[in-house]
Amino acid sequence: MKKITLLFALSISAVSFAQIAKTSFENPTLGTQYMDTGDATVAHDLVNNTDQAVVDFTADATEIGFNARYEPFDTPDVGLTDGDFVGVTDFAPGVDFPYTDGTQGYQISDADGNFILEFDTVDLTGATTPGLTMDYFLAETGYEGDGTVNESSSDRLRIYVKDLTNNTEIDILNTTGNDINDLGIEGAWNNGVAALLPNTMVQLVIEARMNAGAEAFFFDNIVFDGTLGINNVAADTFSIFPNPATSGVLNITSKNTGVLNVAIFDVLGKKVLNGNVTNKTMNISSLNSGVYIVKITQDNVTATKKLIVK
């Protein structure tokens, strides 16, 4: 799974709000009901099938990636081999309950086993007060059991964040030990929130267990965010222009003297250009149109700037 770093800084100021990674499931293409071709009696990774609903997605310029896998009951059932409504869909929970961001979301229903959805690892380095928000919907129906045993009729939904740095887990929702019908969370969009630690590596995980078509969970609008603290002195030290850039040259100036180290990152945090600037110009002709983050370092002073390339 890919590591996601700074996705998009909404503004550059003394303290700026930063959207670190997100998905509303808008970019994956749609398909028909998903049918697993794997062995339902053993745990295995799920793969996308031609023209069927997307269960896995490789991160693109705007949305975080995710990967699905299946684990059977202790006494295995048919799993997803009989065709089930799982994966990215434009089928909303109801006419009065459209998706909260866009027209698509992710559905998990009738897995006849455990459906685990894992998102790309997110790097929270440099973000203060980071957090996660997301929307989830549980269809209003007759859930069974309390989710404490790995068998049919023991439904459960757990949504949590793995703090990979500290080897801890942060629950957003965990129905284990309860009959879902008793929790009062069915039939409406719920907002899940998790407060995260700065300078950590984290991963969102959804674990769902159910065995009936009416038992359906929906997810949308998943956002990792936080605040980026930027030193005013550093921010004022450097300038970049033109911005938006319409040619293959970016001018970078400093109030101080000396070599500038300049690194340019795309919206997924991938370093796409890096070099030392001594003549106040940098060749950016290899960059496609889009939004980038420019990190400028001179001696012990570092600042970031948002760059738009047209």
C-alpha atoms as a PDB file:
ATOM      1  CA  MET A   1       0.000   0.000   0.000  1.00  0.00           C
ATOM      2  CA  LYS A   2       1.222   3.469  -0.829  1.00  0.00           C
ATOM      3  CA  LYS A   3       2.304   6.023   1.750  1.00  0.00           C
ATOM      4  CA  ILE A   4       0.441   9.328   1.472  1.00  0.00           C
ATOM      5  CA  THR A   5       2.025  12.550   2.650  1.00  0.00           C
ATOM      6  CA  LEU A   6       0.900  16.181   2.394  1.00  0.00           C
ATOM      7  CA  LEU A   7      -1.943  16.300  -0.100  1.00  0.00           C
ATOM      8  CA  PHE A   8      -2.939  19.927  -0.380  1.00  0.00           C
ATOM      9  CA  ALA A   9      -2.263  23.081   1.623  1.00  0.00           C
ATOM     10  CA  LEU A  10      -5.331  25.285   1.380  1.00  0.00           C
ATOM     11  CA  SER A  11      -3.440  28.425   2.274  1.00  0.00           C
ATOM     12  CA  ILE A  12       0.076  29.447   3.141  1.00  0.00           C
ATOM     13  CA  SER A  13       0.165  31.644   6.243  1.00  0.00           C
ATOM     14  CA  ALA A  14       1.467  31.644   9.787  1.00  0.00           C
ATOM     15  CA  VAL A  15      -0.831  28.711  10.466  1.00  0.00           C
ATOM     16  CA  SER A  16      -2.597  27.071   7.553  1.00  0.00           C
ATOM     17  CA  PHE A  17      -5.248  24.390   7.394  1.00  0.00           C
ATOM     18  CA  ALA A  18      -3.959  21.331   5.567  1.00  0.00           C
ATOM     19  CA  GLN A  19      -5.846  18.489   3.985  1.00  0.00           C
ATOM     20  CA  ILE A  20      -3.362  15.662   4.195  1.00  0.00           C
ATOM     21  CA  ALA A  21      -5.214  12.866   2.417  1.00  0.00           C
ATOM     22  CA  LYS A  22      -8.809  12.146   1.459  1.00  0.00           C
ATOM     23  CA  THR A  23     -11.240  10.147  -0.625  1.00  0.00           C
ATOM     24  CA  SER A  24     -14.891  10.457  -1.509  1.00  0.00           C
ATOM     25  CA  PHE A  25     -14.653   7.459  -3.852  1.00  0.00           C
ATOM     26  CA  GLU A  26     -15.446   9.649  -6.862  1.00  0.00           C
ATOM     27  CA  ASN A  27     -12.572   8.609  -9.122  1.00  0.00           C
ATOM     28  CA  PRO A  28     -12.916   4.804  -9.299  1.00  0.00           C
ATOM     29  CA  THR A  29     -15.061   3.641 -12.208  1.00  0.00           C
ATOM     30  CA  LEU A  30     -18.349   1.881 -11.540  1.00  0.00           C
ATOM     31  CA  GLY A  31     -19.190  -1.730 -12.292  1.00  0.00           C
ATOM     32  CA  THR A  32     -21.692  -4.467 -11.639  1.00  0.00           C
ATOM     33  CA  GLN A  33     -22.110  -6.684  -8.581  1.00  0.00           C
ATOM     34  CA  TYR A  34     -18.765  -8.046  -7.338  1.00  0.00           C
ATOM     35  CA  MET A  35     -18.034 -11.795  -7.507  1.00  0.00           C
ATOM     36  CA  ASP A  36     -14.937 -13.110  -5.749  1.00  0.00           C
ATOM     37  CA  THR A  37     -12.992 -15.723  -7.716  1.00  0.00           C
ATOM     38  CA  GLY A  38     -10.907 -16.761  -4.699  1.00  0.00           C
ATOM     39  CA  ASP A  39     -11.379 -19.640  -2.258  1.00  0.00           C
ATOM     40  CA  ALA A  40     -14.060 -18.689   0.274  1.00  0.00           C
ATOM     41  CA  THR A  41     -12.649 -21.139   2.826  1.00  0.00           C
ATOM     42  CA  VAL A  42      -9.335 -19.291   3.271  1.00  0.00           C
ATOM     43  CA  ALA A  43      -8.327 -15.675   3.920  1.00  0.00           C
ATOM     44  CA  HIS A  44      -7.163 -13.886   0.794  1.00  0.00           C
ATOM     45  CA  ASP A  45      -6.693 -10.523  -0.866  1.00  0.00           C
ATOM     46  CA  LEU A  46      -9.529  -9.337  -3.069  1.00  0.00           C
ATOM     47  CA  VAL A  47      -8.779  -8.131  -6.584  1.00  0.00           C
ATOM     48  CA  ASN A  48     -10.694  -6.024  -9.052  1.00  0.00           C
ATOM     49  CA  ASN A  49     -12.567  -7.944 -11.739  1.00  0.00           C
ATOM     50  CA  THR A  50     -13.321  -6.580 -15.182  1.00  0.00           C
ATOM     51  CA  ASP A  51     -16.571  -4.590 -15.328  1.00  0.00           C
ATOM     52  CA  GLN A  52     -17.372  -5.361 -11.680  1.00  0.00           C
ATOM     53  CA  ALA A  53     -17.464  -2.953  -8.746  1.00  0.00           C
ATOM     54  CA  VAL A  54     -14.016  -1.694  -7.745  1.00  0.00           C
ATOM     55  CA  VAL A  55     -12.871  -3.054  -4.373  1.00  0.00           C
ATOM     56  CA  ASP A  56      -9.240  -1.885  -4.644  1.00  0.00           C
ATOM     57  CA  PHE A  57      -7.962   1.485  -5.812  1.00  0.00           C
ATOM     58  CA  THR A  58      -4.494   2.863  -6.476  1.00  0.00           C
ATOM     59  CA  ALA A  59      -4.125   6.420  -5.220  1.00  0.00           C
ATOM     60  CA  ASP A  60      -4.302   9.159  -7.824  1.00  0.00           C
ATOM     61  CA  ALA A  61      -3.714  12.908  -7.722  1.00  0.00           C
ATOM     62  CA  THR A  62      -6.723  13.608  -5.511  1.00  0.00           C
ATOM     63  CA  GLU A  63      -7.824  10.437  -3.710  1.00  0.00           C
ATOM     64  CA  ILE A  64      -6.143   8.052  -1.309  1.00  0.00           C
ATOM     65  CA  GLY A  65      -5.870   4.399  -2.298  1.00  0.00           C
ATOM     66  CA  PHE A  66      -7.389   1.380  -0.595  1.00  0.00           C
ATOM     67  CA  ASN A  67      -7.202  -2.403  -0.637  1.00  0.00           C
ATOM     68  CA  ALA A  68      -9.810  -5.011   0.353  1.00  0.00           C
ATOM     69  CA  ARG A  69      -9.383  -8.531   1.659  1.00  0.00           C
ATOM     70  CA  TYR A  70     -11.617 -11.341   2.880  1.00  0.00           C
ATOM     71  CA  GLU A  71     -11.400 -13.586   5.946  1.00  0.00           C
ATOM     72  CA  PRO A  72     -13.860 -16.483   6.395  1.00  0.00           C
ATOM     73  CA  PHE A  73     -15.960 -17.362   9.425  1.00  0.00           C
ATOM     74  CA  ASP A  74     -14.445 -20.017  11.690  1.00  0.00           C
ATOM     75  CA  THR A  75     -16.853 -22.300   9.857  1.00  0.00           C
ATOM     76  CA  PRO A  76     -16.520 -20.909   6.319  1.00  0.00           C
ATOM     77  CA  ASP A  77     -19.530 -19.851   4.258  1.00  0.00           C
ATOM     78  CA  VAL A  78     -19.722 -18.864   0.563  1.00  0.00           C
ATOM     79  CA  GLY A  79     -18.113 -15.518   1.234  1.00  0.00           C
ATOM     80  CA  LEU A  80     -18.263 -13.216  -1.770  1.00  0.00           C
ATOM     81  CA  THR A  81     -18.207 -15.974  -4.377  1.00  0.00           C
ATOM     82  CA  ASP A  82     -21.976 -15.791  -4.875  1.00  0.00           C
ATOM     83  CA  GLY A  83     -21.890 -12.164  -6.017  1.00  0.00           C
ATOM     84  CA  ASP A  84     -22.449  -9.331  -3.567  1.00  0.00           C
ATOM     85  CA  PHE A  85     -22.831  -5.565  -3.434  1.00  0.00           C
ATOM     86  CA  VAL A  86     -19.433  -4.473  -2.178  1.00  0.00           C
ATOM     87  CA  GLY A  87     -16.984  -1.877  -3.423  1.00  0.00           C
ATOM     88  CA  VAL A  88     -17.381   1.551  -4.982  1.00  0.00           C
ATOM     89  CA  THR A  89     -20.957   2.331  -5.987  1.00  0.00           C
ATOM     90  CA  ASP A  90     -23.350   5.143  -6.818  1.00  0.00           C
ATOM     91  CA  PHE A  91     -26.152   3.254  -5.063  1.00  0.00           C
ATOM     92  CA  ALA A  92     -26.862   5.479  -2.076  1.00  0.00           C
ATOM     93  CA  PRO A  93     -28.380   4.232   1.202  1.00  0.00           C
ATOM     94  CA  GLY A  94     -31.710   5.838   0.247  1.00  0.00           C
ATOM     95  CA  VAL A  95     -33.419   8.613  -1.671  1.00  0.00           C
ATOM     96  CA  ASP A  96     -33.310  10.796   1.422  1.00  0.00           C
ATOM     97  CA  PHE A  97     -29.723   9.784   2.227  1.00  0.00           C
ATOM     98  CA  PRO A  98     -27.465  10.625  -0.724  1.00  0.00           C
ATOM     99  CA  TYR A  99     -23.720  10.402  -0.373  1.00  0.00           C
ATOM    100  CA  THR A 100     -22.331  13.257   1.683  1.00  0.00           C
ATOM    101  CA  ASP A 101     -19.655  14.267  -0.821  1.00  0.00           C
ATOM    102  CA  GLY A 102     -20.287  13.569  -4.482  1.00  0.00           C
ATOM    103  CA  THR A 103     -22.357  10.778  -5.973  1.00  0.00           C
ATOM    104  CA  GLN A 104     -20.274   7.726  -5.098  1.00  0.00           C
ATOM    105  CA  GLY A 105     -19.297   5.913  -1.941  1.00  0.00           C
ATOM    106  CA  TYR A 106     -18.134   2.500  -0.724  1.00  0.00           C
ATOM    107  CA  GLN A 107     -20.585  -0.251   0.215  1.00  0.00           C
ATOM    108  CA  ILE A 108     -20.028  -3.475   2.160  1.00  0.00           C
ATOM    109  CA  SER A 109     -22.926  -5.909   2.447  1.00  0.00           C
ATOM    110  CA  ASP A 110     -23.667  -9.656   2.654  1.00  0.00           C
ATOM    111  CA  ALA A 111     -19.989 -10.620   2.907  1.00  0.00           C
ATOM    112  CA  ASP A 112     -20.766 -14.021   4.495  1.00  0.00           C
ATOM    113  CA  GLY A 113     -17.498 -13.571   6.313  1.00  0.00           C
ATOM    114  CA  ASN A 114     -15.226 -10.678   7.214  1.00  0.00           C
ATOM    115  CA  PHE A 115     -14.590  -7.863   4.741  1.00  0.00           C
ATOM    116  CA  ILE A 116     -11.515  -5.797   5.643  1.00  0.00           C
ATOM    117  CA  LEU A 117     -10.815  -2.518   3.870  1.00  0.00           C
ATOM    118  CA  GLU A 118      -7.384  -0.977   4.456  1.00  0.00           C
ATOM    119  CA  PHE A 119      -6.417   2.491   3.241  1.00  0.00           C
ATOM    120  CA  ASP A 120      -2.987   3.771   2.297  1.00  0.00           C
ATOM    121  CA  THR A 121      -0.635   4.708   5.097  1.00  0.00           C
ATOM    122  CA  VAL A 122      -0.698   8.445   5.839  1.00  0.00           C
ATOM    123  CA  ASP A 123       2.350  10.390   7.025  1.00  0.00           C
ATOM    124  CA  LEU A 124       1.430  13.078   9.570  1.00  0.00           C
ATOM    125  CA  THR A 125       4.919  14.557   9.817  1.00  0.00           C
ATOM    126  CA  GLY A 126       4.740  18.339  10.122  1.00  0.00           C
ATOM    127  CA  ALA A 127       1.022  18.498  10.874  1.00  0.00           C
ATOM    128  CA  THR A 128      -0.111  19.693  14.280  1.00  0.00           C
ATOM    129  CA  THR A 129      -3.465  18.649  15.796  1.00  0.00           C
ATOM    130  CA  PRO A 130      -4.046  16.128  12.992  1.00  0.00           C
ATOM    131  CA  GLY A 131      -7.317  14.257  12.836  1.00  0.00           C
ATOM    132  CA  LEU A 132      -9.595  12.096  10.741  1.00  0.00           C
ATOM    133  CA  THR A 133     -13.241  12.668   9.871  1.00  0.00           C
ATOM    134  CA  MET A 134     -15.486  10.365   7.851  1.00  0.00           C
ATOM    135  CA  ASP A 135     -19.135   9.578   7.244  1.00  0.00           C
ATOM    136  CA  TYR A 136     -20.682   6.139   7.675  1.00  0.00           C
ATOM    137  CA  PHE A 137     -24.212   4.757   7.294  1.00  0.00           C
ATOM    138  CA  LEU A 138     -25.675   1.496   8.609  1.00  0.00           C
ATOM    139  CA  ALA A 139     -28.782   0.249   6.836  1.00  0.00           C
ATOM    140  CA  GLU A 140     -31.730  -0.063   9.205  1.00  0.00           C
ATOM    141  CA  THR A 141     -32.422  -3.779   9.435  1.00  0.00           C
ATOM    142  CA  GLY A 142     -32.259  -6.761  11.782  1.00  0.00           C
ATOM    143  CA  TYR A 143     -28.611  -7.215  12.681  1.00  0.00           C
ATOM    144  CA  GLU A 144     -27.824 -10.353  14.622  1.00  0.00           C
ATOM    145  CA  GLY A 145     -25.615 -11.239  17.582  1.00  0.00           C
ATOM    146  CA  ASP A 146     -23.062  -9.106  19.353  1.00  0.00           C
ATOM    147  CA  GLY A 147     -20.051  -9.588  17.083  1.00  0.00           C
ATOM    148  CA  THR A 148     -17.930 -11.367  19.678  1.00  0.00           C
ATOM    149  CA  VAL A 149     -17.555 -14.633  17.750  1.00  0.00           C
ATOM    150  CA  ASN A 150     -16.357 -15.138  14.191  1.00  0.00           C
ATOM    151  CA  GLU A 151     -19.440 -16.818  12.817  1.00  0.00           C
ATOM    152  CA  SER A 152     -22.605 -16.203  10.880  1.00  0.00           C
ATOM    153  CA  SER A 153     -25.254 -14.210  12.801  1.00  0.00           C
ATOM    154  CA  SER A 154     -22.609 -12.373  14.818  1.00  0.00           C
ATOM    155  CA  ASP A 155     -22.579  -9.048  12.961  1.00  0.00           C
ATOM    156  CA  ARG A 156     -20.046  -6.346  13.732  1.00  0.00           C
ATOM    157  CA  LEU A 157     -18.540  -3.180  12.323  1.00  0.00           C
ATOM    158  CA  ARG A 158     -15.250  -1.764  13.489  1.00  0.00           C
ATOM    159  CA  ILE A 159     -13.705   1.428  12.081  1.00  0.00           C
ATOM    160  CA  TYR A 160     -10.339   2.386  13.528  1.00  0.00           C
ATOM    161  CA  VAL A 161      -7.011   4.053  12.872  1.00  0.00           C
ATOM    162  CA  LYS A 162      -3.750   2.190  13.353  1.00  0.00           C
ATOM    163  CA  ASP A 163      -1.012   4.402  14.776  1.00  0.00           C
ATOM    164  CA  LEU A 164       1.872   2.503  13.223  1.00  0.00           C
ATOM    165  CA  THR A 165       4.467   4.657  14.957  1.00  0.00           C
ATOM    166  CA  ASN A 166       3.242   3.943  18.488  1.00  0.00           C
ATOM    167  CA  ASN A 167       1.711   0.529  17.761  1.00  0.00           C
ATOM    168  CA  THR A 168      -1.714   1.584  19.036  1.00  0.00           C
ATOM    169  CA  GLU A 169      -5.246   1.610  17.628  1.00  0.00           C
ATOM    170  CA  ILE A 170      -7.811   4.399  17.853  1.00  0.00           C
ATOM    171  CA  ASP A 171     -11.449   3.349  17.534  1.00  0.00           C
ATOM    172  CA  ILE A 172     -13.904   5.492  15.602  1.00  0.00           C
ATOM    173  CA  LEU A 173     -16.663   2.880  15.919  1.00  0.00           C
ATOM    174  CA  ASN A 174     -16.543  -0.606  17.400  1.00  0.00           C
ATOM    175  CA  THR A 175     -19.836  -2.465  17.760  1.00  0.00           C
ATOM    176  CA  THR A 176     -18.199  -5.609  19.171  1.00  0.00           C
ATOM    177  CA  GLY A 177     -20.031  -6.704  22.287  1.00  0.00           C
ATOM    178  CA  ASN A 178     -23.300  -5.046  21.266  1.00  0.00           C
ATOM    179  CA  ASP A 179     -26.280  -5.855  19.117  1.00  0.00           C
ATOM    180  CA  ILE A 180     -26.006  -3.170  16.417  1.00  0.00           C
ATOM    181  CA  ASN A 181     -29.773  -2.665  16.588  1.00  0.00           C
ATOM    182  CA  ASP A 182     -29.404  -1.348  20.144  1.00  0.00           C
ATOM    183  CA  LEU A 183     -26.852   1.383  19.356  1.00  0.00           C
ATOM    184  CA  GLY A 184     -29.184   3.891  17.706  1.00  0.00           C
ATOM    185  CA  ILE A 185     -26.865   4.503  14.754  1.00  0.00           C
ATOM    186  CA  GLU A 186     -28.890   2.923  11.947  1.00  0.00           C
ATOM    187  CA  GLY A 187     -30.764   4.709   9.203  1.00  0.00           C
ATOM    188  CA  ALA A 188     -28.791   7.974   9.119  1.00  0.00           C
ATOM    189  CA  TRP A 189     -25.369   9.274   8.168  1.00  0.00           C
ATOM    190  CA  ASN A 190     -23.037   9.368  11.168  1.00  0.00           C
ATOM    191  CA  ASN A 191     -19.867  11.446  11.408  1.00  0.00           C
ATOM    192  CA  GLY A 192     -16.843   9.622  12.750  1.00  0.00           C
ATOM    193  CA  VAL A 193     -13.925  11.527  14.249  1.00  0.00           C
ATOM    194  CA  ALA A 194     -10.481  10.511  15.497  1.00  0.00           C
ATOM    195  CA  ALA A 195      -7.858  12.757  17.086  1.00  0.00           C
ATOM    196  CA  LEU A 196      -4.394  11.679  15.941  1.00  0.00           C
ATOM    197  CA  LEU A 197      -0.857  12.340  17.120  1.00  0.00           C
ATOM    198  CA  PRO A 198       1.502  14.524  15.071  1.00  0.00           C
ATOM    199  CA  ASN A 199       4.609  13.064  13.457  1.00  0.00           C
ATOM    200  CA  THR A 200       3.136   9.588  13.197  1.00  0.00           C
ATOM    201  CA  MET A 201       2.347   7.100  10.439  1.00  0.00           C
ATOM    202  CA  VAL A 202      -1.310   6.056  10.495  1.00  0.00           C
ATOM    203  CA  GLN A 203      -3.697   3.835   8.551  1.00  0.00           C
ATOM    204  CA  LEU A 204      -7.494   3.721   8.456  1.00  0.00           C
ATOM    205  CA  VAL A 205      -9.044   0.240   8.622  1.00  0.00           C
ATOM    206  CA  ILE A 206     -12.677  -0.869   8.287  1.00  0.00           C
ATOM    207  CA  GLU A 207     -13.662  -4.394   9.397  1.00  0.00           C
ATOM    208  CA  ALA A 208     -17.195  -5.541   8.572  1.00  0.00           C
ATOM    209  CA  ARG A 209     -18.953  -8.845   9.299  1.00  0.00           C
ATOM    210  CA  MET A 210     -22.490  -9.661   8.146  1.00  0.00           C
ATOM    211  CA  ASN A 211     -24.374 -12.428   6.350  1.00  0.00           C
ATOM    212  CA  ALA A 212     -27.461 -10.904   4.718  1.00  0.00           C
ATOM    213  CA  GLY A 213     -28.106  -8.603   1.772  1.00  0.00           C
ATOM    214  CA  ALA A 214     -30.077  -6.133   3.867  1.00  0.00           C
ATOM    215  CA  GLU A 215     -27.155  -5.775   6.288  1.00  0.00           C
ATOM    216  CA  ALA A 216     -25.263  -3.029   4.506  1.00  0.00           C
ATOM    217  CA  PHE A 217     -22.664  -0.453   5.513  1.00  0.00           C
ATOM    218  CA  PHE A 218     -21.808   2.650   3.463  1.00  0.00           C
ATOM    219  CA  PHE A 219     -18.822   5.019   3.717  1.00  0.00           C
ATOM    220  CA  ASP A 220     -17.968   8.432   2.265  1.00  0.00           C
ATOM    221  CA  ASN A 221     -15.984  11.650   2.686  1.00  0.00           C
ATOM    222  CA  ILE A 222     -12.879  10.343   4.455  1.00  0.00           C
ATOM    223  CA  VAL A 223     -10.474  13.175   5.284  1.00  0.00           C
ATOM    224  CA  PHE A 224      -7.158  13.318   7.154  1.00  0.00           C
ATOM    225  CA  ASP A 225      -6.360  16.920   8.067  1.00  0.00           C
ATOM    226  CA  GLY A 226      -4.562  19.154  10.523  1.00  0.00           C
ATOM    227  CA  THR A 227      -2.805  22.490  10.776  1.00  0.00           C
ATOM    228  CA  LEU A 228       0.541  23.371   9.315  1.00  0.00           C
ATOM    229  CA  GLY A 229       2.543  25.765  11.439  1.00  0.00           C
ATOM    230  CA  ILE A 230       4.752  27.982   9.295  1.00  0.00           C
ATOM    231  CA  ASN A 231       7.285  30.406  10.634  1.00  0.00           C
ATOM    232  CA  ASN A 232       6.408  33.913   9.411  1.00  0.00           C
ATOM    233  CA  VAL A 233      10.040  34.891   9.055  1.00  0.00           C
ATOM    234  CA  ALA A 234      10.776  31.861   6.920  1.00  0.00           C
ATOM    235  CA  ALA A 235       7.659  32.359   4.805  1.00  0.00           C
ATOM    236  CA  ASP A 236       8.616  35.975   4.109  1.00  0.00           C
ATOM    237  CA  THR A 237      12.215  35.117   3.278  1.00  0.00           C
ATOM    238  CA  PHE A 238      11.445  33.413  -0.032  1.00  0.00           C
ATOM    239  CA  SER A 239       9.356  34.298  -3.060  1.00  0.00           C
ATOM    240  CA  ILE A 240       8.357  32.304  -6.125  1.00  0.00           C
ATOM    241  CA  PHE A 241       6.977  33.693  -9.389  1.00  0.00           C
ATOM    242  CA  PRO A 242       5.195  33.556 -11.717  1.00  0.00           C
ATOM    243  CA  ASN A 243       2.479  31.767  -9.813  1.00  0.00           C
ATOM    244  CA  PRO A 244       0.469  30.365 -11.524  1.00  0.00           C
ATOM    245  CA  ALA A 245       3.416  29.334 -13.679  1.00  0.00           C
ATOM    246  CA  THR A 246       2.681  29.321 -17.388  1.00  0.00           C
ATOM    247  CA  SER A 247       6.190  28.678 -18.692  1.00  0.00           C
ATOM    248  CA  GLY A 248       8.897  26.157 -17.952  1.00  0.00           C
ATOM    249  CA  VAL A 249      10.832  28.445 -15.630  1.00  0.00           C
ATOM    250  CA  LEU A 250      10.143  29.263 -11.987  1.00  0.00           C
ATOM    251  CA  ASN A 251      11.865  32.215 -10.340  1.00  0.00           C
ATOM    252  CA  ILE A 252      12.876  31.678  -6.713  1.00  0.00           C
ATOM    253  CA  THR A 253      14.340  34.519  -4.696  1.00  0.00           C
ATOM    254  CA  SER A 254      15.579  34.973  -1.138  1.00  0.00           C
ATOM    255  CA  LYS A 255      16.254  37.952   1.098  1.00  0.00           C
ATOM    256  CA  ASN A 256      19.464  36.202   2.107  1.00  0.00           C
ATOM    257  CA  THR A 257      22.452  35.068   0.083  1.00  0.00           C
ATOM    258  CA  GLY A 258      23.570  31.556  -0.594  1.00  0.00           C
ATOM    259  CA  VAL A 259      22.456  28.415  -2.375  1.00  0.00           C
ATOM    260  CA  LEU A 260      18.784  27.436  -2.194  1.00  0.00           C
ATOM    261  CA  ASN A 261      17.808  23.796  -2.005  1.00  0.00           C
ATOM    262  CA  VAL A 262      14.441  23.417  -3.673  1.00  0.00           C
ATOM    263  CA  ALA A 263      12.234  20.305  -3.631  1.00  0.00           C
ATOM    264  CA  ILE A 264       8.874  20.168  -5.401  1.00  0.00           C
ATOM    265  CA  PHE A 265       6.220  17.641  -4.392  1.00  0.00           C
ATOM    266  CA  ASP A 266       3.018  16.620  -6.163  1.00  0.00           C
ATOM    267  CA  VAL A 267      -0.317  16.373  -4.360  1.00  0.00           C
ATOM    268  CA  LEU A 268       0.441  12.819  -3.218  1.00  0.00           C
ATOM    269  CA  GLY A 269       3.646  13.921  -1.525  1.00  0.00           C
ATOM    270  CA  LYS A 270       5.912  12.412  -4.189  1.00  0.00           C
ATOM    271  CA  LYS A 271       9.061  14.414  -4.824  1.00  0.00           C
ATOM    272  CA  VAL A 272       8.995  15.279  -8.527  1.00  0.00           C
ATOM    273  CA  LEU A 273      11.869  17.777  -8.721  1.00  0.00           C
ATOM    274  CA  ASN A 274      14.850  18.520  -6.513  1.00  0.00           C
ATOM    275  CA  GLY A 275      17.960  20.619  -6.907  1.00  0.00           C
ATOM    276  CA  ASN A 276      20.123  23.509  -5.818  1.00  0.00           C
ATOM    277  CA  VAL A 277      19.296  26.950  -7.175  1.00  0.00           C
ATOM    278  CA  THR A 278      22.055  29.531  -7.501  1.00  0.00           C
ATOM    279  CA  ASN A 279      20.810  31.708 -10.372  1.00  0.00           C
ATOM    280  CA  LYS A 280      17.296  32.320  -9.004  1.00  0.00           C
ATOM    281  CA  THR A 281      15.610  30.162 -11.661  1.00  0.00           C
ATOM    282  CA  MET A 282      14.525  26.527 -11.801  1.00  0.00           C
ATOM    283  CA  ASN A 283      13.464  24.549 -14.859  1.00  0.00           C
ATOM    284  CA  ILE A 284       9.981  23.126 -14.223  1.00  0.00           C
ATOM    285  CA  SER A 285       9.132  22.197 -17.816  1.00  0.00           C
ATOM    286  CA  SER A 286       8.717  18.553 -16.791  1.00  0.00           C
ATOM    287  CA  LEU A 287       5.771  19.374 -14.510  1.00  0.00           C
ATOM    288  CA  ASN A 288       2.238  18.712 -15.696  1.00  0.00           C
ATOM    289  CA  SER A 289      -0.585  21.137 -15.011  1.00  0.00           C
ATOM    290  CA  GLY A 290      -1.703  20.952 -11.401  1.00  0.00           C
ATOM    291  CA  VAL A 291      -0.975  21.960  -7.823  1.00  0.00           C
ATOM    292  CA  TYR A 292       2.415  21.418  -6.177  1.00  0.00           C
ATOM    293  CA  ILE A 293       4.157  22.153  -2.899  1.00  0.00           C
ATOM    294  CA  VAL A 294       7.570  23.856  -3.144  1.00  0.00           C
ATOM    295  CA  LYS A 295       9.905  23.334  -0.170  1.00  0.00           C
ATOM    296  CA  ILE A 296      12.738  25.859  -0.046  1.00  0.00           C
ATOM    297  CA  THR A 297      15.686  25.518   2.337  1.00  0.00           C
ATOM    298  CA  GLN A 298      18.585  27.917   2.803  1.00  0.00           C
ATOM    299  CA  ASP A 299      21.011  27.315   5.636  1.00  0.00           C
ATOM    300  CA  ASN A 300      18.682  26.492   8.569  1.00  0.00           C
ATOM    301  CA  VAL A 301      15.634  28.330   7.204  1.00  0.00           C
ATOM    302  CA  THR A 302      12.860  26.319   5.514  1.00  0.00           C
ATOM    303  CA  ALA A 303       9.513  27.396   4.085  1.00  0.00           C
ATOM    304  CA  THR A 304       6.873  25.877   1.863  1.00  0.00           C
ATOM    305  CA  LYS A 305       4.967  27.540  -0.935  1.00  0.00           C
ATOM    306  CA  LYS A 306       1.984  26.445  -2.976  1.00  0.00           C
ATOM    307  CA  LEU A 307       2.651  26.431  -6.732  1.00  0.00           C
ATOM    308  CA  ILE A 308       0.079  26.182  -9.495  1.00  0.00           C
ATOM    309  CA  VAL A 309       1.263  25.096 -12.921  1.00  0.00           C
ATOM    310  CA  LYS A 310      -0.991  25.800 -15.898  1.00  0.00           C
END
